[in-house]
Structure formats: structure tokens, C-alpha cells
């Protein structure tokens, strides 16, 4: 279960970075975040942890779903304490991270 812990904490980090970055004013955010890629990255980061949690619910049980949501919350709490530059970097890589993790959870490939 160590794999799932790492996966859901990473998804929580990415989702928390999206939430933190979306609450910034336009002055503090980089230009790419204001464009279409930035908005798409925020959307994907917010949706990916939800899709992964639903996947765990159908693959295992409600108990593991609750554990997965708790791991996502842990990752989100950790992302609050990260510097803004690291949050922007995680958000920049959010579509790739989400694609790799969701593909592994759905059985398309192995990490």
C-alpha cells in the first residue's frame, strides 16, 4: 500500500498547489498561469485526485476510499507550507503527473 500512499500524497500536493495558485491575485501569479494552459492545469489537478479516489472506491472498498481522501488531504496540507515557486512548478507539471498516475491506477502501464 506504500505505492498508493505516495500516489495520493502527490495528487494532494498537486491539487493543493492548484488551490493555492488559483487564490493568488493576478499580480503575484506568473503569466502562464493566467493563460489557457494555467487554467487547464488547475482544472486537471483538481479533477485528477477525485478521479483517482473514485477509482479506488470501485477497485477496493469504501474504507480504502476514505483512506485515499485522507492521504489527499495530507498532501494538500503539505502544499500549503511549500514555497510559491515550488507550487507553480508542481502546477506546471500537473497534467503530466496526473496522466502518469491515473494511467497506472487504471492499469494502462506500471510505474
PDB file of N, CA and C in Angstrom:
ATOM      1  N   UNK A   1       0.811  -1.192   0.000  1.00  0.00           N
ATOM      2  CA  UNK A   1       0.000   0.000   0.000  1.00  0.00           C
ATOM      3  C   UNK A   1       0.856   1.258   0.000  1.00  0.00           C
ATOM      4  N   UNK A   2       2.156   1.097   0.064  1.00  0.00           N
ATOM      5  CA  UNK A   2       3.047   2.253   0.018  1.00  0.00           C
ATOM      6  C   UNK A   2       2.930   3.017  -1.293  1.00  0.00           C
ATOM      7  N   UNK A   3       2.699   2.269  -2.381  1.00  0.00           N
ATOM      8  CA  UNK A   3       2.523   2.915  -3.682  1.00  0.00           C
ATOM      9  C   UNK A   3       1.336   3.868  -3.657  1.00  0.00           C
ATOM     10  N   UNK A   4       0.224   3.412  -3.097  1.00  0.00           N
ATOM     11  CA  UNK A   4      -0.976   4.240  -3.065  1.00  0.00           C
ATOM     12  C   UNK A   4      -0.796   5.449  -2.154  1.00  0.00           C
ATOM     13  N   UNK A   5      -0.052   5.270  -1.062  1.00  0.00           N
ATOM     14  CA  UNK A   5       0.217   6.407  -0.182  1.00  0.00           C
ATOM     15  C   UNK A   5       0.972   7.495  -0.933  1.00  0.00           C
ATOM     16  N   UNK A   6       2.031   7.104  -1.629  1.00  0.00           N
ATOM     17  CA  UNK A   6       2.842   8.073  -2.374  1.00  0.00           C
ATOM     18  C   UNK A   6       2.019   8.717  -3.485  1.00  0.00           C
ATOM     19  N   UNK A   7       1.238   7.917  -4.199  1.00  0.00           N
ATOM     20  CA  UNK A   7       0.432   8.433  -5.308  1.00  0.00           C
ATOM     21  C   UNK A   7      -0.574   9.466  -4.819  1.00  0.00           C
ATOM     22  N   UNK A   8      -1.281   9.171  -3.749  1.00  0.00           N
ATOM     23  CA  UNK A   8      -2.317  10.089  -3.300  1.00  0.00           C
ATOM     24  C   UNK A   8      -1.748  11.309  -2.591  1.00  0.00           C
ATOM     25  N   UNK A   9      -0.591  11.175  -1.960  1.00  0.00           N
ATOM     26  CA  UNK A   9       0.048  12.373  -1.398  1.00  0.00           C
ATOM     27  C   UNK A   9       0.532  13.281  -2.526  1.00  0.00           C
ATOM     28  N   UNK A  10       1.064  12.700  -3.598  1.00  0.00           N
ATOM     29  CA  UNK A  10       1.481  13.511  -4.755  1.00  0.00           C
ATOM     30  C   UNK A  10       0.273  14.198  -5.389  1.00  0.00           C
ATOM     31  N   UNK A  11      -0.827  13.473  -5.536  1.00  0.00           N
ATOM     32  CA  UNK A  11      -2.033  14.099  -6.081  1.00  0.00           C
ATOM     33  C   UNK A  11      -2.544  15.197  -5.159  1.00  0.00           C
ATOM     34  N   UNK A  12      -2.407  15.008  -3.864  1.00  0.00           N
ATOM     35  CA  UNK A  12      -2.778  16.050  -2.916  1.00  0.00           C
ATOM     36  C   UNK A  12      -1.870  17.261  -3.008  1.00  0.00           C
ATOM     37  N   UNK A  13      -0.572  17.016  -3.216  1.00  0.00           N
ATOM     38  CA  UNK A  13       0.356  18.134  -3.415  1.00  0.00           C
ATOM     39  C   UNK A  13      -0.015  18.936  -4.650  1.00  0.00           C
ATOM     40  N   UNK A  14      -0.310  18.249  -5.732  1.00  0.00           N
ATOM     41  CA  UNK A  14      -0.657  18.924  -6.974  1.00  0.00           C
ATOM     42  C   UNK A  14      -1.992  19.658  -6.838  1.00  0.00           C
ATOM     43  N   UNK A  15      -2.973  18.995  -6.221  1.00  0.00           N
ATOM     44  CA  UNK A  15      -4.270  19.636  -6.024  1.00  0.00           C
ATOM     45  C   UNK A  15      -4.191  20.823  -5.076  1.00  0.00           C
ATOM     46  N   UNK A  16      -3.400  20.696  -4.022  1.00  0.00           N
ATOM     47  CA  UNK A  16      -3.216  21.807  -3.101  1.00  0.00           C
ATOM     48  C   UNK A  16      -2.487  22.971  -3.744  1.00  0.00           C
ATOM     49  N   UNK A  17      -1.533  22.655  -4.609  1.00  0.00           N
ATOM     50  CA  UNK A  17      -0.840  23.713  -5.344  1.00  0.00           C
ATOM     51  C   UNK A  17      -1.796  24.437  -6.278  1.00  0.00           C
ATOM     52  N   UNK A  18      -2.703  23.684  -6.888  1.00  0.00           N
ATOM     53  CA  UNK A  18      -3.703  24.313  -7.765  1.00  0.00           C
ATOM     54  C   UNK A  18      -4.614  25.226  -6.976  1.00  0.00           C
ATOM     55  N   UNK A  19      -5.036  24.765  -5.809  1.00  0.00           N
ATOM     56  CA  UNK A  19      -5.915  25.584  -4.984  1.00  0.00           C
ATOM     57  C   UNK A  19      -5.207  26.834  -4.491  1.00  0.00           C
ATOM     58  N   UNK A  20      -3.962  26.675  -4.073  1.00  0.00           N
ATOM     59  CA  UNK A  20      -3.188  27.816  -3.591  1.00  0.00           C
ATOM     60  C   UNK A  20      -2.905  28.810  -4.722  1.00  0.00           C
ATOM     61  N   UNK A  21      -2.598  28.298  -5.903  1.00  0.00           N
ATOM     62  CA  UNK A  21      -2.293  29.172  -7.033  1.00  0.00           C
ATOM     63  C   UNK A  21      -3.533  29.870  -7.577  1.00  0.00           C
ATOM     64  N   UNK A  22      -4.673  29.210  -7.489  1.00  0.00           N
ATOM     65  CA  UNK A  22      -5.883  29.832  -8.015  1.00  0.00           C
ATOM     66  C   UNK A  22      -6.378  30.970  -7.132  1.00  0.00           C
ATOM     67  N   UNK A  23      -5.961  30.991  -5.900  1.00  0.00           N
ATOM     68  CA  UNK A  23      -6.377  32.054  -4.985  1.00  0.00           C
ATOM     69  C   UNK A  23      -5.463  33.280  -5.019  1.00  0.00           C
ATOM     70  N   UNK A  24      -4.392  33.214  -5.799  1.00  0.00           N
ATOM     71  CA  UNK A  24      -3.478  34.360  -5.880  1.00  0.00           C
ATOM     72  C   UNK A  24      -4.065  35.463  -6.738  1.00  0.00           C
ATOM     73  N   UNK A  25      -3.632  36.672  -6.459  1.00  0.00           N
ATOM     74  CA  UNK A  25      -4.043  37.778  -7.317  1.00  0.00           C
ATOM     75  C   UNK A  25      -3.247  37.728  -8.615  1.00  0.00           C
ATOM     76  N   UNK A  26      -3.691  38.448  -9.608  1.00  0.00           N
ATOM     77  CA  UNK A  26      -3.026  38.428 -10.906  1.00  0.00           C
ATOM     78  C   UNK A  26      -1.614  38.990 -10.851  1.00  0.00           C
ATOM     79  N   UNK A  27      -1.336  39.842  -9.890  1.00  0.00           N
ATOM     80  CA  UNK A  27      -0.008  40.435  -9.774  1.00  0.00           C
ATOM     81  C   UNK A  27       1.016  39.398  -9.320  1.00  0.00           C
ATOM     82  N   UNK A  28       0.613  38.493  -8.425  1.00  0.00           N
ATOM     83  CA  UNK A  28       1.543  37.523  -7.860  1.00  0.00           C
ATOM     84  C   UNK A  28       1.687  36.259  -8.689  1.00  0.00           C
ATOM     85  N   UNK A  29       0.819  36.029  -9.646  1.00  0.00           N
ATOM     86  CA  UNK A  29       0.842  34.805 -10.438  1.00  0.00           C
ATOM     87  C   UNK A  29       1.678  35.005 -11.701  1.00  0.00           C
ATOM     88  N   UNK A  30       2.370  33.958 -12.147  1.00  0.00           N
ATOM     89  CA  UNK A  30       3.114  34.067 -13.413  1.00  0.00           C
ATOM     90  C   UNK A  30       2.147  34.183 -14.602  1.00  0.00           C
ATOM     91  N   UNK A  31       2.685  34.644 -15.726  1.00  0.00           N
ATOM     92  CA  UNK A  31       1.845  34.870 -16.900  1.00  0.00           C
ATOM     93  C   UNK A  31       1.231  33.587 -17.441  1.00  0.00           C
ATOM     94  N   UNK A  32       1.962  32.468 -17.394  1.00  0.00           N
ATOM     95  CA  UNK A  32       1.424  31.231 -17.949  1.00  0.00           C
ATOM     96  C   UNK A  32       0.231  30.731 -17.140  1.00  0.00           C
ATOM     97  N   UNK A  33       0.160  31.095 -15.868  1.00  0.00           N
ATOM     98  CA  UNK A  33      -0.957  30.676 -15.025  1.00  0.00           C
ATOM     99  C   UNK A  33      -2.240  31.399 -15.403  1.00  0.00           C
ATOM    100  N   UNK A  34      -2.119  32.594 -15.943  1.00  0.00           N
ATOM    101  CA  UNK A  34      -3.290  33.373 -16.328  1.00  0.00           C
ATOM    102  C   UNK A  34      -3.862  32.934 -17.672  1.00  0.00           C
ATOM    103  N   UNK A  35      -3.066  32.218 -18.452  1.00  0.00           N
ATOM    104  CA  UNK A  35      -3.497  31.795 -19.782  1.00  0.00           C
ATOM    105  C   UNK A  35      -4.298  30.508 -19.759  1.00  0.00           C
ATOM    106  N   UNK A  36      -4.503  29.974 -20.948  1.00  0.00           N
ATOM    107  CA  UNK A  36      -5.333  28.775 -21.071  1.00  0.00           C
ATOM    108  C   UNK A  36      -4.653  27.536 -20.484  1.00  0.00           C
ATOM    109  N   UNK A  37      -3.312  27.436 -20.621  1.00  0.00           N
ATOM    110  CA  UNK A  37      -2.619  26.282 -20.052  1.00  0.00           C
ATOM    111  C   UNK A  37      -2.711  26.286 -18.532  1.00  0.00           C
ATOM    112  N   UNK A  38      -2.581  27.437 -17.930  1.00  0.00           N
ATOM    113  CA  UNK A  38      -2.674  27.533 -16.480  1.00  0.00           C
ATOM    114  C   UNK A  38      -4.041  27.129 -15.968  1.00  0.00           C
ATOM    115  N   UNK A  39      -5.078  27.576 -16.655  1.00  0.00           N
ATOM    116  CA  UNK A  39      -6.434  27.212 -16.242  1.00  0.00           C
ATOM    117  C   UNK A  39      -6.697  25.726 -16.464  1.00  0.00           C
ATOM    118  N   UNK A  40      -6.168  25.174 -17.553  1.00  0.00           N
ATOM    119  CA  UNK A  40      -6.299  23.746 -17.807  1.00  0.00           C
ATOM    120  C   UNK A  40      -5.544  22.938 -16.757  1.00  0.00           C
ATOM    121  N   UNK A  41      -4.365  23.379 -16.371  1.00  0.00           N
ATOM    122  CA  UNK A  41      -3.582  22.684 -15.351  1.00  0.00           C
ATOM    123  C   UNK A  41      -4.301  22.702 -13.999  1.00  0.00           C
ATOM    124  N   UNK A  42      -4.919  23.817 -13.665  1.00  0.00           N
ATOM    125  CA  UNK A  42      -5.676  23.905 -12.412  1.00  0.00           C
ATOM    126  C   UNK A  42      -6.873  22.948 -12.455  1.00  0.00           C
ATOM    127  N   UNK A  43      -7.554  22.890 -13.578  1.00  0.00           N
ATOM    128  CA  UNK A  43      -8.712  22.006 -13.721  1.00  0.00           C
ATOM    129  C   UNK A  43      -8.298  20.542 -13.625  1.00  0.00           C
ATOM    130  N   UNK A  44      -7.230  20.175 -14.318  1.00  0.00           N
ATOM    131  CA  UNK A  44      -6.765  18.786 -14.304  1.00  0.00           C
ATOM    132  C   UNK A  44      -6.283  18.394 -12.917  1.00  0.00           C
ATOM    133  N   UNK A  45      -5.570  19.292 -12.247  1.00  0.00           N
ATOM    134  CA  UNK A  45      -5.078  18.992 -10.905  1.00  0.00           C
ATOM    135  C   UNK A  45      -6.217  18.807  -9.922  1.00  0.00           C
ATOM    136  N   UNK A  46      -7.268  19.577 -10.075  1.00  0.00           N
ATOM    137  CA  UNK A  46      -8.417  19.428  -9.198  1.00  0.00           C
ATOM    138  C   UNK A  46      -9.241  18.193  -9.490  1.00  0.00           C
ATOM    139  N   UNK A  47      -9.293  17.797 -10.741  1.00  0.00           N
ATOM    140  CA  UNK A  47     -10.105  16.655 -11.140  1.00  0.00           C
ATOM    141  C   UNK A  47      -9.390  15.321 -10.949  1.00  0.00           C
ATOM    142  N   UNK A  48      -8.069  15.315 -11.027  1.00  0.00           N
ATOM    143  CA  UNK A  48      -7.333  14.052 -11.018  1.00  0.00           C
ATOM    144  C   UNK A  48      -7.409  13.333  -9.680  1.00  0.00           C
ATOM    145  N   UNK A  49      -7.334  14.055  -8.573  1.00  0.00           N
ATOM    146  CA  UNK A  49      -7.418  13.360  -7.286  1.00  0.00           C
ATOM    147  C   UNK A  49      -8.814  12.795  -7.074  1.00  0.00           C
ATOM    148  N   UNK A  50      -9.826  13.493  -7.588  1.00  0.00           N
ATOM    149  CA  UNK A  50     -11.196  12.997  -7.465  1.00  0.00           C
ATOM    150  C   UNK A  50     -11.381  11.720  -8.287  1.00  0.00           C
ATOM    151  N   UNK A  51     -10.869  11.716  -9.507  1.00  0.00           N
ATOM    152  CA  UNK A  51     -10.977  10.531 -10.363  1.00  0.00           C
ATOM    153  C   UNK A  51     -10.208   9.357  -9.771  1.00  0.00           C
ATOM    154  N   UNK A  52      -9.046   9.630  -9.185  1.00  0.00           N
ATOM    155  CA  UNK A  52      -8.259   8.559  -8.566  1.00  0.00           C
ATOM    156  C   UNK A  52      -8.965   7.999  -7.340  1.00  0.00           C
ATOM    157  N   UNK A  53      -9.596   8.853  -6.558  1.00  0.00           N
ATOM    158  CA  UNK A  53     -10.323   8.373  -5.375  1.00  0.00           C
ATOM    159  C   UNK A  53     -11.528   7.529  -5.769  1.00  0.00           C
ATOM    160  N   UNK A  54     -12.244   7.944  -6.791  1.00  0.00           N
ATOM    161  CA  UNK A  54     -13.377   7.157  -7.282  1.00  0.00           C
ATOM    162  C   UNK A  54     -12.901   5.807  -7.820  1.00  0.00           C
ATOM    163  N   UNK A  55     -11.742   5.807  -8.468  1.00  0.00           N
ATOM    164  CA  UNK A  55     -11.168   4.559  -8.963  1.00  0.00           C
ATOM    165  C   UNK A  55     -10.888   3.605  -7.811  1.00  0.00           C
ATOM    166  N   UNK A  56     -10.321   4.111  -6.731  1.00  0.00           N
ATOM    167  CA  UNK A  56     -10.041   3.273  -5.562  1.00  0.00           C
ATOM    168  C   UNK A  56     -11.343   2.760  -4.953  1.00  0.00           C
ATOM    169  N   UNK A  57     -12.373   3.587  -4.956  1.00  0.00           N
ATOM    170  CA  UNK A  57     -13.662   3.152  -4.419  1.00  0.00           C
ATOM    171  C   UNK A  57     -14.201   1.953  -5.198  1.00  0.00           C
ATOM    172  N   UNK A  58     -14.102   1.975  -6.511  1.00  0.00           N
ATOM    173  CA  UNK A  58     -14.627   0.873  -7.302  1.00  0.00           C
ATOM    174  C   UNK A  58     -13.703  -0.342  -7.307  1.00  0.00           C
ATOM    175  N   UNK A  59     -12.389  -0.127  -7.171  1.00  0.00           N
ATOM    176  CA  UNK A  59     -11.463  -1.252  -7.176  1.00  0.00           C
ATOM    177  C   UNK A  59     -11.414  -1.965  -5.823  1.00  0.00           C
ATOM    178  N   UNK A  60     -11.538  -1.223  -4.749  1.00  0.00           N
ATOM    179  CA  UNK A  60     -11.380  -1.812  -3.423  1.00  0.00           C
ATOM    180  C   UNK A  60     -12.674  -1.656  -2.613  1.00  0.00           C
ATOM    181  N   UNK A  61     -12.729  -0.699  -1.726  1.00  0.00           N
ATOM    182  CA  UNK A  61     -13.930  -0.543  -0.905  1.00  0.00           C
ATOM    183  C   UNK A  61     -14.027   0.888  -0.394  1.00  0.00           C
ATOM    184  N   UNK A  62     -15.109   1.143   0.340  1.00  0.00           N
ATOM    185  CA  UNK A  62     -15.322   2.474   0.899  1.00  0.00           C
ATOM    186  C   UNK A  62     -14.253   2.824   1.925  1.00  0.00           C
ATOM    187  N   UNK A  63     -13.758   1.853   2.659  1.00  0.00           N
ATOM    188  CA  UNK A  63     -12.703   2.088   3.645  1.00  0.00           C
ATOM    189  C   UNK A  63     -11.448   2.646   2.983  1.00  0.00           C
ATOM    190  N   UNK A  64     -11.017   2.013   1.893  1.00  0.00           N
ATOM    191  CA  UNK A  64      -9.814   2.483   1.204  1.00  0.00           C
ATOM    192  C   UNK A  64     -10.052   3.810   0.493  1.00  0.00           C
ATOM    193  N   UNK A  65     -11.277   4.058   0.081  1.00  0.00           N
ATOM    194  CA  UNK A  65     -11.632   5.357  -0.477  1.00  0.00           C
ATOM    195  C   UNK A  65     -11.420   6.449   0.571  1.00  0.00           C
ATOM    196  N   UNK A  66     -11.875   6.203   1.796  1.00  0.00           N
ATOM    197  CA  UNK A  66     -11.698   7.189   2.876  1.00  0.00           C
ATOM    198  C   UNK A  66     -10.230   7.392   3.204  1.00  0.00           C
ATOM    199  N   UNK A  67      -9.462   6.310   3.204  1.00  0.00           N
ATOM    200  CA  UNK A  67      -8.021   6.423   3.445  1.00  0.00           C
ATOM    201  C   UNK A  67      -7.367   7.249   2.332  1.00  0.00           C
ATOM    202  N   UNK A  68      -7.784   7.036   1.099  1.00  0.00           N
ATOM    203  CA  UNK A  68      -7.216   7.784  -0.027  1.00  0.00           C
ATOM    204  C   UNK A  68      -7.534   9.270   0.062  1.00  0.00           C
ATOM    205  N   UNK A  69      -8.753   9.596   0.451  1.00  0.00           N
ATOM    206  CA  UNK A  69      -9.120  11.003   0.620  1.00  0.00           C
ATOM    207  C   UNK A  69      -8.297  11.629   1.744  1.00  0.00           C
ATOM    208  N   UNK A  70      -8.048  10.878   2.811  1.00  0.00           N
ATOM    209  CA  UNK A  70      -7.212  11.389   3.897  1.00  0.00           C
ATOM    210  C   UNK A  70      -5.780  11.637   3.422  1.00  0.00           C
ATOM    211  N   UNK A  71      -5.270  10.780   2.553  1.00  0.00           N
ATOM    212  CA  UNK A  71      -3.926  10.978   2.004  1.00  0.00           C
ATOM    213  C   UNK A  71      -3.874  12.210   1.104  1.00  0.00           C
ATOM    214  N   UNK A  72      -4.936  12.449   0.346  1.00  0.00           N
ATOM    215  CA  UNK A  72      -5.007  13.651  -0.490  1.00  0.00           C
ATOM    216  C   UNK A  72      -5.029  14.895   0.388  1.00  0.00           C
ATOM    217  N   UNK A  73      -5.776  14.852   1.470  1.00  0.00           N
ATOM    218  CA  UNK A  73      -5.829  15.985   2.397  1.00  0.00           C
ATOM    219  C   UNK A  73      -4.457  16.223   3.017  1.00  0.00           C
ATOM    220  N   UNK A  74      -3.742  15.153   3.353  1.00  0.00           N
ATOM    221  CA  UNK A  74      -2.379  15.301   3.877  1.00  0.00           C
ATOM    222  C   UNK A  74      -1.479  15.994   2.865  1.00  0.00           C
ATOM    223  N   UNK A  75      -1.547  15.585   1.600  1.00  0.00           N
ATOM    224  CA  UNK A  75      -0.762  16.241   0.558  1.00  0.00           C
ATOM    225  C   UNK A  75      -1.136  17.696   0.371  1.00  0.00           C
ATOM    226  N   UNK A  76      -2.412  18.007   0.481  1.00  0.00           N
ATOM    227  CA  UNK A  76      -2.861  19.400   0.367  1.00  0.00           C
ATOM    228  C   UNK A  76      -2.354  20.247   1.526  1.00  0.00           C
ATOM    229  N   UNK A  77      -2.344  19.673   2.719  1.00  0.00           N
ATOM    230  CA  UNK A  77      -1.818  20.399   3.873  1.00  0.00           C
ATOM    231  C   UNK A  77      -0.324  20.650   3.716  1.00  0.00           C
ATOM    232  N   UNK A  78       0.391  19.679   3.194  1.00  0.00           N
ATOM    233  CA  UNK A  78       1.835  19.865   2.968  1.00  0.00           C
ATOM    234  C   UNK A  78       2.070  20.956   1.933  1.00  0.00           C
ATOM    235  N   UNK A  79       1.229  21.019   0.905  1.00  0.00           N
ATOM    236  CA  UNK A  79       1.438  22.011  -0.154  1.00  0.00           C
ATOM    237  C   UNK A  79       1.245  23.437   0.340  1.00  0.00           C
ATOM    238  N   UNK A  80       0.503  23.626   1.417  1.00  0.00           N
ATOM    239  CA  UNK A  80       0.318  24.965   1.969  1.00  0.00           C
ATOM    240  C   UNK A  80       1.646  25.521   2.482  1.00  0.00           C
ATOM    241  N   UNK A  81       2.503  24.648   2.980  1.00  0.00           N
ATOM    242  CA  UNK A  81       3.771  25.086   3.561  1.00  0.00           C
ATOM    243  C   UNK A  81       4.916  25.161   2.554  1.00  0.00           C
ATOM    244  N   UNK A  82       4.679  24.775   1.310  1.00  0.00           N
ATOM    245  CA  UNK A  82       5.714  24.846   0.278  1.00  0.00           C
ATOM    246  C   UNK A  82       5.841  26.272  -0.239  1.00  0.00           C
ATOM    247  N   UNK A  83       7.034  26.645  -0.712  1.00  0.00           N
ATOM    248  CA  UNK A  83       7.172  27.974  -1.313  1.00  0.00           C
ATOM    249  C   UNK A  83       6.349  28.088  -2.604  1.00  0.00           C
ATOM    250  N   UNK A  84       6.025  29.303  -2.947  1.00  0.00           N
ATOM    251  CA  UNK A  84       5.168  29.550  -4.120  1.00  0.00           C
ATOM    252  C   UNK A  84       5.819  29.046  -5.405  1.00  0.00           C
ATOM    253  N   UNK A  85       7.134  29.169  -5.516  1.00  0.00           N
ATOM    254  CA  UNK A  85       7.811  28.717  -6.735  1.00  0.00           C
ATOM    255  C   UNK A  85       7.655  27.208  -6.930  1.00  0.00           C
ATOM    256  N   UNK A  86       7.731  26.451  -5.851  1.00  0.00           N
ATOM    257  CA  UNK A  86       7.551  25.003  -5.958  1.00  0.00           C
ATOM    258  C   UNK A  86       6.099  24.650  -6.279  1.00  0.00           C
ATOM    259  N   UNK A  87       5.158  25.409  -5.740  1.00  0.00           N
ATOM    260  CA  UNK A  87       3.753  25.198  -6.091  1.00  0.00           C
ATOM    261  C   UNK A  87       3.503  25.482  -7.564  1.00  0.00           C
ATOM    262  N   UNK A  88       4.114  26.528  -8.096  1.00  0.00           N
ATOM    263  CA  UNK A  88       3.965  26.817  -9.527  1.00  0.00           C
ATOM    264  C   UNK A  88       4.583  25.717 -10.376  1.00  0.00           C
ATOM    265  N   UNK A  89       5.714  25.186  -9.927  1.00  0.00           N
ATOM    266  CA  UNK A  89       6.374  24.116 -10.666  1.00  0.00           C
ATOM    267  C   UNK A  89       5.515  22.849 -10.663  1.00  0.00           C
ATOM    268  N   UNK A  90       4.941  22.509  -9.513  1.00  0.00           N
ATOM    269  CA  UNK A  90       4.046  21.349  -9.448  1.00  0.00           C
ATOM    270  C   UNK A  90       2.823  21.546 -10.334  1.00  0.00           C
ATOM    271  N   UNK A  91       2.317  22.749 -10.361  1.00  0.00           N
ATOM    272  CA  UNK A  91       1.161  23.038 -11.198  1.00  0.00           C
ATOM    273  C   UNK A  91       1.518  23.011 -12.678  1.00  0.00           C
ATOM    274  N   UNK A  92       2.726  23.409 -12.998  1.00  0.00           N
ATOM    275  CA  UNK A  92       3.195  23.349 -14.385  1.00  0.00           C
ATOM    276  C   UNK A  92       3.249  21.901 -14.873  1.00  0.00           C
ATOM    277  N   UNK A  93       3.641  20.995 -13.990  1.00  0.00           N
ATOM    278  CA  UNK A  93       3.737  19.578 -14.342  1.00  0.00           C
ATOM    279  C   UNK A  93       2.464  18.784 -14.046  1.00  0.00           C
ATOM    280  N   UNK A  94       1.423  19.435 -13.569  1.00  0.00           N
ATOM    281  CA  UNK A  94       0.201  18.748 -13.133  1.00  0.00           C
ATOM    282  C   UNK A  94      -0.423  17.851 -14.203  1.00  0.00           C
ATOM    283  N   UNK A  95      -0.557  18.279 -15.465  1.00  0.00           N
ATOM    284  CA  UNK A  95      -1.157  17.374 -16.453  1.00  0.00           C
ATOM    285  C   UNK A  95      -0.337  16.109 -16.677  1.00  0.00           C
ATOM    286  N   UNK A  96       0.976  16.223 -16.686  1.00  0.00           N
ATOM    287  CA  UNK A  96       1.829  15.049 -16.893  1.00  0.00           C
ATOM    288  C   UNK A  96       1.764  14.126 -15.680  1.00  0.00           C
ATOM    289  N   UNK A  97       1.863  14.706 -14.488  1.00  0.00           N
ATOM    290  CA  UNK A  97       1.790  13.907 -13.260  1.00  0.00           C
ATOM    291  C   UNK A  97       0.461  13.183 -13.181  1.00  0.00           C
ATOM    292  N   UNK A  98      -0.615  13.876 -13.469  1.00  0.00           N
ATOM    293  CA  UNK A  98      -1.944  13.269 -13.392  1.00  0.00           C
ATOM    294  C   UNK A  98      -2.120  12.165 -14.430  1.00  0.00           C
ATOM    295  N   UNK A  99      -1.622  12.380 -15.624  1.00  0.00           N
ATOM    296  CA  UNK A  99      -1.723  11.372 -16.673  1.00  0.00           C
ATOM    297  C   UNK A  99      -0.979  10.101 -16.286  1.00  0.00           C
ATOM    298  N   UNK A 100       0.223  10.243 -15.770  1.00  0.00           N
ATOM    299  CA  UNK A 100       1.026   9.081 -15.400  1.00  0.00           C
ATOM    300  C   UNK A 100       0.379   8.329 -14.239  1.00  0.00           C
ATOM    301  N   UNK A 101      -0.068   9.045 -13.230  1.00  0.00           N
ATOM    302  CA  UNK A 101      -0.646   8.387 -12.057  1.00  0.00           C
ATOM    303  C   UNK A 101      -1.985   7.740 -12.385  1.00  0.00           C
ATOM    304  N   UNK A 102      -2.856   8.440 -13.097  1.00  0.00           N
ATOM    305  CA  UNK A 102      -4.152   7.849 -13.444  1.00  0.00           C
ATOM    306  C   UNK A 102      -3.996   6.671 -14.398  1.00  0.00           C
ATOM    307  N   UNK A 103      -3.039   6.750 -15.302  1.00  0.00           N
ATOM    308  CA  UNK A 103      -2.775   5.615 -16.188  1.00  0.00           C
ATOM    309  C   UNK A 103      -2.316   4.392 -15.425  1.00  0.00           C
ATOM    310  N   UNK A 104      -1.510   4.603 -14.391  1.00  0.00           N
ATOM    311  CA  UNK A 104      -1.069   3.476 -13.570  1.00  0.00           C
ATOM    312  C   UNK A 104      -2.216   2.911 -12.731  1.00  0.00           C
ATOM    313  N   UNK A 105      -3.071   3.770 -12.206  1.00  0.00           N
ATOM    314  CA  UNK A 105      -4.200   3.290 -11.412  1.00  0.00           C
ATOM    315  C   UNK A 105      -5.217   2.544 -12.259  1.00  0.00           C
ATOM    316  N   UNK A 106      -5.375   2.953 -13.497  1.00  0.00           N
ATOM    317  CA  UNK A 106      -6.342   2.307 -14.369  1.00  0.00           C
ATOM    318  C   UNK A 106      -5.772   1.094 -15.099  1.00  0.00           C
ATOM    319  N   UNK A 107      -4.487   0.799 -14.882  1.00  0.00           N
ATOM    320  CA  UNK A 107      -3.879  -0.408 -15.433  1.00  0.00           C
ATOM    321  C   UNK A 107      -3.340  -0.279 -16.837  1.00  0.00           C
ATOM    322  N   UNK A 108      -3.152   0.933 -17.336  1.00  0.00           N
ATOM    323  CA  UNK A 108      -2.595   1.105 -18.674  1.00  0.00           C
ATOM    324  C   UNK A 108      -1.098   0.808 -18.708  1.00  0.00           C
ATOM    325  N   UNK A 109      -0.392   1.134 -17.636  1.00  0.00           N
ATOM    326  CA  UNK A 109       1.040   0.885 -17.518  1.00  0.00           C
ATOM    327  C   UNK A 109       1.412   0.805 -16.047  1.00  0.00           C
ATOM    328  N   UNK A 110       2.682   0.461 -15.798  1.00  0.00           N
ATOM    329  CA  UNK A 110       3.178   0.341 -14.429  1.00  0.00           C
ATOM    330  C   UNK A 110       4.240   1.396 -14.186  1.00  0.00           C
ATOM    331  N   UNK A 111       4.270   1.903 -12.989  1.00  0.00           N
ATOM    332  CA  UNK A 111       5.302   2.879 -12.628  1.00  0.00           C
ATOM    333  C   UNK A 111       6.408   2.149 -11.901  1.00  0.00           C
TER     334      UNK A 111
END
